[in-house]
Each structure stands twice: as structure tokens, then as C-alpha cells.
PDB file of N, CA and C in Angstrom:
ATOM      1  N   MET A   1     104.655  66.213 122.821  1.00  0.00           N
ATOM      2  CA  MET A   1     105.364  66.453 121.584  1.00  0.00           C
ATOM      3  C   MET A   1     105.134  67.875 121.051  1.00  0.00           C
ATOM      4  N   THR A   2     103.933  68.378 121.211  1.00  0.00           N
ATOM      5  CA  THR A   2     103.603  69.683 120.682  1.00  0.00           C
ATOM      6  C   THR A   2     104.063  70.774 121.650  1.00  0.00           C
ATOM      7  N   ASN A   3     104.583  71.856 121.094  1.00  0.00           N
ATOM      8  CA  ASN A   3     105.060  72.963 121.907  1.00  0.00           C
ATOM      9  C   ASN A   3     103.916  73.961 122.088  1.00  0.00           C
ATOM     10  N   PRO A   4     103.308  74.021 123.270  1.00  0.00           N
ATOM     11  CA  PRO A   4     102.147  74.909 123.463  1.00  0.00           C
ATOM     12  C   PRO A   4     102.499  76.400 123.312  1.00  0.00           C
ATOM     13  N   ARG A   5     103.720  76.773 123.640  1.00  0.00           N
ATOM     14  CA  ARG A   5     104.125  78.175 123.503  1.00  0.00           C
ATOM     15  C   ARG A   5     104.168  78.577 122.029  1.00  0.00           C
ATOM     16  N   PHE A   6     104.646  77.673 121.175  1.00  0.00           N
ATOM     17  CA  PHE A   6     104.686  77.931 119.728  1.00  0.00           C
ATOM     18  C   PHE A   6     103.276  78.083 119.169  1.00  0.00           C
ATOM     19  N   ILE A   7     102.406  77.165 119.554  1.00  0.00           N
ATOM     20  CA  ILE A   7     101.025  77.206 119.063  1.00  0.00           C
ATOM     21  C   ILE A   7     100.341  78.497 119.520  1.00  0.00           C
ATOM     22  N   THR A   8     100.583  78.905 120.756  1.00  0.00           N
ATOM     23  CA  THR A   8     100.002  80.150 121.269  1.00  0.00           C
ATOM     24  C   THR A   8     100.507  81.346 120.484  1.00  0.00           C
ATOM     25  N   SER A   9     101.813  81.379 120.181  1.00  0.00           N
ATOM     26  CA  SER A   9     102.360  82.514 119.445  1.00  0.00           C
ATOM     27  C   SER A   9     101.826  82.567 118.007  1.00  0.00           C
ATOM     28  N   VAL A  10     101.668  81.399 117.379  1.00  0.00           N
ATOM     29  CA  VAL A  10     101.131  81.357 116.031  1.00  0.00           C
ATOM     30  C   VAL A  10      99.674  81.817 116.030  1.00  0.00           C
ATOM     31  N   THR A  11      98.906  81.375 116.998  1.00  0.00           N
ATOM     32  CA  THR A  11      97.496  81.782 117.100  1.00  0.00           C
ATOM     33  C   THR A  11      97.381  83.288 117.312  1.00  0.00           C
ATOM     34  N   ASN A  12      98.217  83.820 118.182  1.00  0.00           N
ATOM     35  CA  ASN A  12      98.177  85.275 118.430  1.00  0.00           C
ATOM     36  C   ASN A  12      98.572  86.056 117.191  1.00  0.00           C
ATOM     37  N   ALA A  13      99.592  85.593 116.488  1.00  0.00           N
ATOM     38  CA  ALA A  13     100.029  86.291 115.268  1.00  0.00           C
ATOM     39  C   ALA A  13      98.938  86.239 114.209  1.00  0.00           C
ATOM     40  N   ALA A  14      98.257  85.121 114.089  1.00  0.00           N
ATOM     41  CA  ALA A  14      97.192  84.992 113.097  1.00  0.00           C
ATOM     42  C   ALA A  14      96.027  85.924 113.402  1.00  0.00           C
ATOM     43  N   GLN A  15      95.765  86.151 114.659  1.00  0.00           N
ATOM     44  CA  GLN A  15      94.664  87.044 115.025  1.00  0.00           C
ATOM     45  C   GLN A  15      95.037  88.503 114.813  1.00  0.00           C
ATOM     46  N   LYS A  16      96.309  88.854 114.941  1.00  0.00           N
ATOM     47  CA  LYS A  16      96.745  90.240 114.802  1.00  0.00           C
ATOM     48  C   LYS A  16      96.910  90.652 113.340  1.00  0.00           C
ATOM     49  N   ASP A  17      97.489  89.773 112.554  1.00  0.00           N
ATOM     50  CA  ASP A  17      97.777  90.110 111.161  1.00  0.00           C
ATOM     51  C   ASP A  17      96.551  89.919 110.284  1.00  0.00           C
ATOM     52  N   VAL A  18      96.230  90.918 109.525  1.00  0.00           N
ATOM     53  CA  VAL A  18      95.131  90.829 108.573  1.00  0.00           C
ATOM     54  C   VAL A  18      95.731  90.912 107.177  1.00  0.00           C
ATOM     55  N   PRO A  19      95.637  89.844 106.404  1.00  0.00           N
ATOM     56  CA  PRO A  19      96.241  89.875 105.069  1.00  0.00           C
ATOM     57  C   PRO A  19      95.522  90.872 104.167  1.00  0.00           C
ATOM     58  N   GLN A  20      96.280  91.451 103.244  1.00  0.00           N
ATOM     59  CA  GLN A  20      95.689  92.386 102.294  1.00  0.00           C
ATOM     60  C   GLN A  20      94.879  91.599 101.267  1.00  0.00           C
ATOM     61  N   MET A  21      93.729  92.095 100.971  1.00  0.00           N
ATOM     62  CA  MET A  21      92.892  91.475  99.939  1.00  0.00           C
ATOM     63  C   MET A  21      93.333  92.009  98.570  1.00  0.00           C
ATOM     64  N   PRO A  22      93.201  91.191  97.525  1.00  0.00           N
ATOM     65  CA  PRO A  22      93.658  91.613  96.192  1.00  0.00           C
ATOM     66  C   PRO A  22      93.069  92.949  95.727  1.00  0.00           C
ATOM     67  N   TRP A  23      91.806  93.197  96.048  1.00  0.00           N
ATOM     68  CA  TRP A  23      91.166  94.432  95.592  1.00  0.00           C
ATOM     69  C   TRP A  23      91.649  95.642  96.385  1.00  0.00           C
ATOM     70  N   ALA A  24      92.351  95.445  97.493  1.00  0.00           N
ATOM     71  CA  ALA A  24      92.822  96.558  98.315  1.00  0.00           C
ATOM     72  C   ALA A  24      94.239  96.998  97.917  1.00  0.00           C
ATOM     73  N   ARG A  25      94.878  96.284  97.033  1.00  0.00           N
ATOM     74  CA  ARG A  25      96.267  96.585  96.680  1.00  0.00           C
ATOM     75  C   ARG A  25      96.383  97.729  95.680  1.00  0.00           C
ATOM     76  N   GLY A  26      95.361  97.924  94.876  1.00  0.00           N
ATOM     77  CA  GLY A  26      95.279  99.074  94.001  1.00  0.00           C
ATOM     78  C   GLY A  26      96.380  99.228  92.970  1.00  0.00           C
ATOM     79  N   THR A  27      97.003 100.402  92.966  1.00  0.00           N
ATOM     80  CA  THR A  27      97.955 100.760  91.909  1.00  0.00           C
ATOM     81  C   THR A  27      99.196  99.873  91.890  1.00  0.00           C
ATOM     82  N   ARG A  28      99.636  99.436  93.048  1.00  0.00           N
ATOM     83  CA  ARG A  28     100.819  98.582  93.082  1.00  0.00           C
ATOM     84  C   ARG A  28     100.572  97.283  92.308  1.00  0.00           C
ATOM     85  N   ARG A  29      99.410  96.700  92.484  1.00  0.00           N
ATOM     86  CA  ARG A  29      99.077  95.470  91.787  1.00  0.00           C
ATOM     87  C   ARG A  29      98.879  95.722  90.295  1.00  0.00           C
ATOM     88  N   ALA A  30      98.239  96.821  89.954  1.00  0.00           N
ATOM     89  CA  ALA A  30      98.013  97.162  88.556  1.00  0.00           C
ATOM     90  C   ALA A  30      99.345  97.367  87.826  1.00  0.00           C
ATOM     91  N   THR A  31     100.308  97.993  88.496  1.00  0.00           N
ATOM     92  CA  THR A  31     101.627  98.201  87.909  1.00  0.00           C
ATOM     93  C   THR A  31     102.316  96.863  87.650  1.00  0.00           C
ATOM     94  N   MET A  32     102.220  95.954  88.612  1.00  0.00           N
ATOM     95  CA  MET A  32     102.846  94.641  88.465  1.00  0.00           C
ATOM     96  C   MET A  32     102.222  93.872  87.293  1.00  0.00           C
ATOM     97  N   ILE A  33     100.910  93.905  87.178  1.00  0.00           N
ATOM     98  CA  ILE A  33     100.224  93.205  86.087  1.00  0.00           C
ATOM     99  C   ILE A  33     100.626  93.795  84.739  1.00  0.00           C
ATOM    100  N   ALA A  34     100.695  95.129  84.641  1.00  0.00           N
ATOM    101  CA  ALA A  34     101.084  95.782  83.399  1.00  0.00           C
ATOM    102  C   ALA A  34     102.517  95.403  83.010  1.00  0.00           C
ATOM    103  N   ARG A  35     103.399  95.332  83.994  1.00  0.00           N
ATOM    104  CA  ARG A  35     104.795  94.972  83.728  1.00  0.00           C
ATOM    105  C   ARG A  35     104.886  93.532  83.209  1.00  0.00           C
ATOM    106  N   ARG A  36     104.132  92.629  83.803  1.00  0.00           N
ATOM    107  CA  ARG A  36     104.123  91.237  83.344  1.00  0.00           C
ATOM    108  C   ARG A  36     103.571  91.118  81.921  1.00  0.00           C
ATOM    109  N   LYS A  37     102.524  91.869  81.671  1.00  0.00           N
ATOM    110  CA  LYS A  37     101.897  91.834  80.353  1.00  0.00           C
ATOM    111  C   LYS A  37     102.867  92.323  79.287  1.00  0.00           C
ATOM    112  N   THR A  38     103.575  93.408  79.583  1.00  0.00           N
ATOM    113  CA  THR A  38     104.558  93.959  78.652  1.00  0.00           C
ATOM    114  C   THR A  38     105.692  92.965  78.404  1.00  0.00           C
ATOM    115  N   ALA A  39     106.146  92.327  79.458  1.00  0.00           N
ATOM    116  CA  ALA A  39     107.221  91.335  79.323  1.00  0.00           C
ATOM    117  C   ALA A  39     106.769  90.149  78.471  1.00  0.00           C
ATOM    118  N   ALA A  40     105.545  89.707  78.647  1.00  0.00           N
ATOM    119  CA  ALA A  40     105.016  88.596  77.868  1.00  0.00           C
ATOM    120  C   ALA A  40     104.895  88.963  76.390  1.00  0.00           C
ATOM    121  N   GLU A  41     104.449  90.181  76.125  1.00  0.00           N
ATOM    122  CA  GLU A  41     104.320  90.628  74.726  1.00  0.00           C
ATOM    123  C   GLU A  41     105.702  90.753  74.065  1.00  0.00           C
ATOM    124  N   THR A  42     106.687  91.206  74.828  1.00  0.00           N
ATOM    125  CA  THR A  42     108.045  91.341  74.311  1.00  0.00           C
ATOM    126  C   THR A  42     108.610  89.962  73.963  1.00  0.00           C
ATOM    127  N   ARG A  43     108.379  88.984  74.831  1.00  0.00           N
ATOM    128  CA  ARG A  43     108.868  87.624  74.550  1.00  0.00           C
ATOM    129  C   ARG A  43     108.204  87.013  73.336  1.00  0.00           C
ATOM    130  N   GLN A  44     106.927  87.282  73.135  1.00  0.00           N
ATOM    131  CA  GLN A  44     106.206  86.709  72.000  1.00  0.00           C
ATOM    132  C   GLN A  44     106.672  87.313  70.677  1.00  0.00           C
ATOM    133  N   SER A  45     107.008  88.590  70.662  1.00  0.00           N
ATOM    134  CA  SER A  45     107.400  89.239  69.424  1.00  0.00           C
ATOM    135  C   SER A  45     108.862  88.920  69.049  1.00  0.00           C
ATOM    136  N   ALA A  46     109.628  88.457  69.976  1.00  0.00           N
ATOM    137  CA  ALA A  46     111.048  88.166  69.696  1.00  0.00           C
ATOM    138  C   ALA A  46     111.244  86.836  69.010  1.00  0.00           C
TER     139      ALA A  46
END
């Protein structure tokens, strides 16, 4: 039932790809958080 080729490809992809850690995102993440915060404050004042 299980497709060994699929499992092999998923395993290989998981070993190659290293996800970014939250602390490594830097300015891009800080910009996103600031934008969300501003949007939330705007909604509360309206």
C-alpha cells in the first residue's frame, strides 16, 4: 500500500531543507509584527 519512492523523496527533502528559526528572520519578522500591531490599534480606536 505504501509507495516507497514517495517516502524516500519525502525523507530526502526533509534532510535537505532546514527551516528558518524565528530568531533568524530578523527585520522581516519585526516589520510584520509592527504592521499587525498598528492594524490592531487602528481597529480598536475605530
